[in-house]
PDB file of N, CA and C in Angstrom:
ATOM      1  N   MET A   1     -37.994 -12.676   4.530  1.00  0.00           N
ATOM      2  CA  MET A   1     -37.621 -11.527   5.323  1.00  0.00           C
ATOM      3  C   MET A   1     -36.116 -11.277   5.172  1.00  0.00           C
ATOM      4  N   LYS A   2     -35.752 -10.034   4.864  1.00  0.00           N
ATOM      5  CA  LYS A   2     -34.346  -9.690   4.688  1.00  0.00           C
ATOM      6  C   LYS A   2     -33.636  -9.609   6.028  1.00  0.00           C
ATOM      7  N   LYS A   3     -32.350  -9.907   5.981  1.00  0.00           N
ATOM      8  CA  LYS A   3     -31.527  -9.786   7.178  1.00  0.00           C
ATOM      9  C   LYS A   3     -30.890  -8.402   7.210  1.00  0.00           C
ATOM     10  N   ILE A   4     -30.628  -7.939   8.399  1.00  0.00           N
ATOM     11  CA  ILE A   4     -29.911  -6.685   8.582  1.00  0.00           C
ATOM     12  C   ILE A   4     -28.619  -7.004   9.314  1.00  0.00           C
ATOM     13  N   PHE A   5     -27.512  -6.528   8.775  1.00  0.00           N
ATOM     14  CA  PHE A   5     -26.202  -6.756   9.370  1.00  0.00           C
ATOM     15  C   PHE A   5     -25.716  -5.443   9.970  1.00  0.00           C
ATOM     16  N   LEU A   6     -24.978  -5.535  11.045  1.00  0.00           N
ATOM     17  CA  LEU A   6     -24.468  -4.321  11.644  1.00  0.00           C
ATOM     18  C   LEU A   6     -23.010  -4.468  12.005  1.00  0.00           C
ATOM     19  N   ASP A   7     -22.369  -3.343  12.057  1.00  0.00           N
ATOM     20  CA  ASP A   7     -20.961  -3.278  12.434  1.00  0.00           C
ATOM     21  C   ASP A   7     -20.866  -2.236  13.531  1.00  0.00           C
ATOM     22  N   LYS A   8     -20.309  -2.607  14.645  1.00  0.00           N
ATOM     23  CA  LYS A   8     -20.227  -1.705  15.788  1.00  0.00           C
ATOM     24  C   LYS A   8     -18.764  -1.428  16.095  1.00  0.00           C
ATOM     25  N   ARG A   9     -18.430  -0.162  16.196  1.00  0.00           N
ATOM     26  CA  ARG A   9     -17.072   0.255  16.548  1.00  0.00           C
ATOM     27  C   ARG A   9     -17.135   0.924  17.913  1.00  0.00           C
ATOM     28  N   VAL A  10     -16.404   0.376  18.842  1.00  0.00           N
ATOM     29  CA  VAL A  10     -16.402   0.915  20.200  1.00  0.00           C
ATOM     30  C   VAL A  10     -14.971   1.232  20.604  1.00  0.00           C
ATOM     31  N   TRP A  11     -14.764   2.438  21.073  1.00  0.00           N
ATOM     32  CA  TRP A  11     -13.460   2.841  21.576  1.00  0.00           C
ATOM     33  C   TRP A  11     -13.571   3.024  23.081  1.00  0.00           C
ATOM     34  N   ARG A  12     -12.647   2.415  23.794  1.00  0.00           N
ATOM     35  CA  ARG A  12     -12.661   2.500  25.246  1.00  0.00           C
ATOM     36  C   ARG A  12     -12.498   3.951  25.694  1.00  0.00           C
ATOM     37  N   ASP A  13     -13.195   4.321  26.727  1.00  0.00           N
ATOM     38  CA  ASP A  13     -13.130   5.662  27.316  1.00  0.00           C
ATOM     39  C   ASP A  13     -13.502   6.752  26.318  1.00  0.00           C
ATOM     40  N   SER A  14     -14.421   6.471  25.429  1.00  0.00           N
ATOM     41  CA  SER A  14     -14.841   7.462  24.443  1.00  0.00           C
ATOM     42  C   SER A  14     -16.342   7.380  24.227  1.00  0.00           C
ATOM     43  N   LYS A  15     -16.930   8.533  23.964  1.00  0.00           N
ATOM     44  CA  LYS A  15     -18.354   8.572  23.630  1.00  0.00           C
ATOM     45  C   LYS A  15     -18.551   8.595  22.117  1.00  0.00           C
ATOM     46  N   ASP A  16     -17.442   8.589  21.369  1.00  0.00           N
ATOM     47  CA  ASP A  16     -17.498   8.660  19.909  1.00  0.00           C
ATOM     48  C   ASP A  16     -17.548   7.268  19.286  1.00  0.00           C
ATOM     49  N   ASN A  17     -18.556   6.517  19.605  1.00  0.00           N
ATOM     50  CA  ASN A  17     -18.739   5.179  19.048  1.00  0.00           C
ATOM     51  C   ASN A  17     -19.820   5.242  17.975  1.00  0.00           C
ATOM     52  N   TRP A  18     -19.831   4.286  17.056  1.00  0.00           N
ATOM     53  CA  TRP A  18     -20.860   4.292  16.030  1.00  0.00           C
ATOM     54  C   TRP A  18     -21.248   2.878  15.641  1.00  0.00           C
ATOM     55  N   VAL A  19     -22.426   2.790  15.049  1.00  0.00           N
ATOM     56  CA  VAL A  19     -22.951   1.522  14.554  1.00  0.00           C
ATOM     57  C   VAL A  19     -23.487   1.778  13.154  1.00  0.00           C
ATOM     58  N   SER A  20     -23.169   0.890  12.210  1.00  0.00           N
ATOM     59  CA  SER A  20     -23.734   1.009  10.866  1.00  0.00           C
ATOM     60  C   SER A  20     -24.625  -0.199  10.601  1.00  0.00           C
ATOM     61  N   PHE A  21     -25.688   0.029   9.857  1.00  0.00           N
ATOM     62  CA  PHE A  21     -26.648  -1.018   9.523  1.00  0.00           C
ATOM     63  C   PHE A  21     -26.705  -1.166   8.014  1.00  0.00           C
ATOM     64  N   GLU A  22     -26.709  -2.398   7.546  1.00  0.00           N
ATOM     65  CA  GLU A  22     -26.821  -2.665   6.112  1.00  0.00           C
ATOM     66  C   GLU A  22     -27.517  -3.993   5.880  1.00  0.00           C
ATOM     67  N   SER A  23     -28.041  -4.149   4.677  1.00  0.00           N
ATOM     68  CA  SER A  23     -28.622  -5.435   4.293  1.00  0.00           C
ATOM     69  C   SER A  23     -27.576  -6.328   3.629  1.00  0.00           C
ATOM     70  N   ASP A  24     -26.375  -5.804   3.421  1.00  0.00           N
ATOM     71  CA  ASP A  24     -25.275  -6.545   2.797  1.00  0.00           C
ATOM     72  C   ASP A  24     -24.372  -7.120   3.890  1.00  0.00           C
ATOM     73  N   PRO A  25     -24.193  -8.437   3.933  1.00  0.00           N
ATOM     74  CA  PRO A  25     -23.363  -9.024   4.992  1.00  0.00           C
ATOM     75  C   PRO A  25     -21.896  -8.592   4.925  1.00  0.00           C
ATOM     76  N   LYS A  26     -21.452  -8.114   3.767  1.00  0.00           N
ATOM     77  CA  LYS A  26     -20.058  -7.653   3.640  1.00  0.00           C
ATOM     78  C   LYS A  26     -19.926  -6.157   3.922  1.00  0.00           C
ATOM     79  N   LEU A  27     -21.037  -5.520   4.283  1.00  0.00           N
ATOM     80  CA  LEU A  27     -21.051  -4.095   4.640  1.00  0.00           C
ATOM     81  C   LEU A  27     -20.352  -3.237   3.588  1.00  0.00           C
ATOM     82  N   ARG A  28     -20.692  -3.446   2.331  1.00  0.00           N
ATOM     83  CA  ARG A  28     -20.012  -2.767   1.221  1.00  0.00           C
ATOM     84  C   ARG A  28     -20.197  -1.252   1.242  1.00  0.00           C
ATOM     85  N   ILE A  29     -21.385  -0.788   1.600  1.00  0.00           N
ATOM     86  CA  ILE A  29     -21.621   0.659   1.624  1.00  0.00           C
ATOM     87  C   ILE A  29     -20.791   1.312   2.723  1.00  0.00           C
ATOM     88  N   THR A  30     -20.772   0.696   3.885  1.00  0.00           N
ATOM     89  CA  THR A  30     -19.977   1.228   4.995  1.00  0.00           C
ATOM     90  C   THR A  30     -18.503   1.273   4.622  1.00  0.00           C
ATOM     91  N   LYS A  31     -17.999   0.187   4.050  1.00  0.00           N
ATOM     92  CA  LYS A  31     -16.588   0.143   3.655  1.00  0.00           C
ATOM     93  C   LYS A  31     -16.290   1.169   2.564  1.00  0.00           C
ATOM     94  N   ALA A  32     -17.210   1.333   1.621  1.00  0.00           N
ATOM     95  CA  ALA A  32     -17.003   2.317   0.554  1.00  0.00           C
ATOM     96  C   ALA A  32     -16.941   3.726   1.135  1.00  0.00           C
ATOM     97  N   ASN A  33     -17.780   4.011   2.120  1.00  0.00           N
ATOM     98  CA  ASN A  33     -17.742   5.322   2.764  1.00  0.00           C
ATOM     99  C   ASN A  33     -16.427   5.539   3.497  1.00  0.00           C
ATOM    100  N   ILE A  34     -15.953   4.517   4.184  1.00  0.00           N
ATOM    101  CA  ILE A  34     -14.697   4.645   4.931  1.00  0.00           C
ATOM    102  C   ILE A  34     -13.529   4.849   3.979  1.00  0.00           C
ATOM    103  N   TYR A  35     -13.404   3.975   2.977  1.00  0.00           N
ATOM    104  CA  TYR A  35     -12.253   4.049   2.080  1.00  0.00           C
ATOM    105  C   TYR A  35     -12.394   5.141   1.030  1.00  0.00           C
ATOM    106  N   GLY A  36     -13.614   5.556   0.745  1.00  0.00           N
ATOM    107  CA  GLY A  36     -13.823   6.597  -0.255  1.00  0.00           C
ATOM    108  C   GLY A  36     -13.831   8.002   0.312  1.00  0.00           C
ATOM    109  N   ARG A  37     -14.143   8.124   1.609  1.00  0.00           N
ATOM    110  CA  ARG A  37     -14.244   9.449   2.214  1.00  0.00           C
ATOM    111  C   ARG A  37     -13.287   9.636   3.383  1.00  0.00           C
ATOM    112  N   CYS A  38     -13.285   8.742   4.325  1.00  0.00           N
ATOM    113  CA  CYS A  38     -12.488   8.917   5.547  1.00  0.00           C
ATOM    114  C   CYS A  38     -10.990   8.786   5.300  1.00  0.00           C
ATOM    115  N   VAL A  39     -10.592   7.735   4.627  1.00  0.00           N
ATOM    116  CA  VAL A  39      -9.159   7.490   4.423  1.00  0.00           C
ATOM    117  C   VAL A  39      -8.501   8.617   3.622  1.00  0.00           C
ATOM    118  N   PRO A  40      -9.083   9.080   2.500  1.00  0.00           N
ATOM    119  CA  PRO A  40      -8.442  10.185   1.775  1.00  0.00           C
ATOM    120  C   PRO A  40      -8.328  11.459   2.621  1.00  0.00           C
ATOM    121  N   CYS A  41      -9.329  11.735   3.435  1.00  0.00           N
ATOM    122  CA  CYS A  41      -9.305  12.921   4.288  1.00  0.00           C
ATOM    123  C   CYS A  41      -8.185  12.811   5.324  1.00  0.00           C
ATOM    124  N   ILE A  42      -8.060  11.654   5.946  1.00  0.00           N
ATOM    125  CA  ILE A  42      -7.014  11.436   6.946  1.00  0.00           C
ATOM    126  C   ILE A  42      -5.637  11.481   6.288  1.00  0.00           C
ATOM    127  N   ALA A  43      -5.513  10.903   5.096  1.00  0.00           N
ATOM    128  CA  ALA A  43      -4.238  10.926   4.374  1.00  0.00           C
ATOM    129  C   ALA A  43      -3.840  12.361   4.027  1.00  0.00           C
ATOM    130  N   ASN A  44      -4.805  13.170   3.618  1.00  0.00           N
ATOM    131  CA  ASN A  44      -4.546  14.570   3.295  1.00  0.00           C
ATOM    132  C   ASN A  44      -4.082  15.328   4.541  1.00  0.00           C
ATOM    133  N   LEU A  45      -4.736  15.107   5.657  1.00  0.00           N
ATOM    134  CA  LEU A  45      -4.338  15.743   6.911  1.00  0.00           C
ATOM    135  C   LEU A  45      -2.921  15.325   7.292  1.00  0.00           C
ATOM    136  N   TYR A  46      -2.637  14.048   7.218  1.00  0.00           N
ATOM    137  CA  TYR A  46      -1.310  13.528   7.571  1.00  0.00           C
ATOM    138  C   TYR A  46      -0.221  14.152   6.693  1.00  0.00           C
ATOM    139  N   GLN A  47      -0.493  14.268   5.399  1.00  0.00           N
ATOM    140  CA  GLN A  47       0.480  14.856   4.474  1.00  0.00           C
ATOM    141  C   GLN A  47       0.768  16.309   4.848  1.00  0.00           C
ATOM    142  N   GLN A  48      -0.270  17.051   5.173  1.00  0.00           N
ATOM    143  CA  GLN A  48      -0.084  18.446   5.553  1.00  0.00           C
ATOM    144  C   GLN A  48       0.713  18.573   6.852  1.00  0.00           C
ATOM    145  N   LEU A  49       0.473  17.666   7.778  1.00  0.00           N
ATOM    146  CA  LEU A  49       1.224  17.682   9.032  1.00  0.00           C
ATOM    147  C   LEU A  49       2.693  17.357   8.781  1.00  0.00           C
ATOM    148  N   GLN A  50       2.952  16.404   7.888  1.00  0.00           N
ATOM    149  CA  GLN A  50       4.336  16.053   7.554  1.00  0.00           C
ATOM    150  C   GLN A  50       5.071  17.220   6.889  1.00  0.00           C
ATOM    151  N   GLU A  51       4.342  17.997   6.107  1.00  0.00           N
ATOM    152  CA  GLU A  51       4.934  19.153   5.429  1.00  0.00           C
ATOM    153  C   GLU A  51       5.214  20.299   6.400  1.00  0.00           C
ATOM    154  N   GLY A  52       4.706  20.192   7.614  1.00  0.00           N
ATOM    155  CA  GLY A  52       4.935  21.223   8.625  1.00  0.00           C
ATOM    156  C   GLY A  52       4.136  22.489   8.412  1.00  0.00           C
ATOM    157  N   ARG A  53       3.006  22.377   7.788  1.00  0.00           N
ATOM    158  CA  ARG A  53       2.183  23.559   7.525  1.00  0.00           C
ATOM    159  C   ARG A  53       1.710  24.198   8.834  1.00  0.00           C
ATOM    160  N   GLU A  54       1.632  25.511   8.809  1.00  0.00           N
ATOM    161  CA  GLU A  54       1.136  26.234   9.977  1.00  0.00           C
ATOM    162  C   GLU A  54      -0.380  26.314   9.963  1.00  0.00           C
ATOM    163  N   ALA A  55      -0.975  26.242   8.783  1.00  0.00           N
ATOM    164  CA  ALA A  55      -2.430  26.245   8.643  1.00  0.00           C
ATOM    165  C   ALA A  55      -2.827  24.981   7.887  1.00  0.00           C
ATOM    166  N   ILE A  56      -3.769  24.261   8.437  1.00  0.00           N
ATOM    167  CA  ILE A  56      -4.229  23.004   7.842  1.00  0.00           C
ATOM    168  C   ILE A  56      -5.511  23.266   7.063  1.00  0.00           C
ATOM    169  N   GLU A  57      -5.569  22.753   5.837  1.00  0.00           N
ATOM    170  CA  GLU A  57      -6.770  22.880   5.011  1.00  0.00           C
ATOM    171  C   GLU A  57      -7.558  21.578   5.103  1.00  0.00           C
ATOM    172  N   LEU A  58      -8.718  21.651   5.744  1.00  0.00           N
ATOM    173  CA  LEU A  58      -9.582  20.479   5.854  1.00  0.00           C
ATOM    174  C   LEU A  58     -10.656  20.570   4.789  1.00  0.00           C
ATOM    175  N   LYS A  59     -10.803  19.517   4.037  1.00  0.00           N
ATOM    176  CA  LYS A  59     -11.817  19.481   2.990  1.00  0.00           C
ATOM    177  C   LYS A  59     -13.033  18.734   3.498  1.00  0.00           C
ATOM    178  N   GLU A  60     -14.151  18.928   2.809  1.00  0.00           N
ATOM    179  CA  GLU A  60     -15.387  18.250   3.204  1.00  0.00           C
ATOM    180  C   GLU A  60     -15.244  16.748   3.007  1.00  0.00           C
ATOM    181  N   ALA A  61     -15.653  16.007   4.013  1.00  0.00           N
ATOM    182  CA  ALA A  61     -15.565  14.544   3.933  1.00  0.00           C
ATOM    183  C   ALA A  61     -16.816  13.968   3.333  1.00  0.00           C
TER     184      ALA A  61
END
């Protein structure tokens, strides 16, 4: 029987919590999604804010 591993992220005073499920104990798919999609999007937003743009261009994550 395969094992299922989970990673739970909970933020105090927030309803925006999430749980990911994987069969990989190192949660490689979850980490790949975070570093491959979330981090570049946040970095792009941060760069635009630093540039002082009046309109922010958000790309699909």
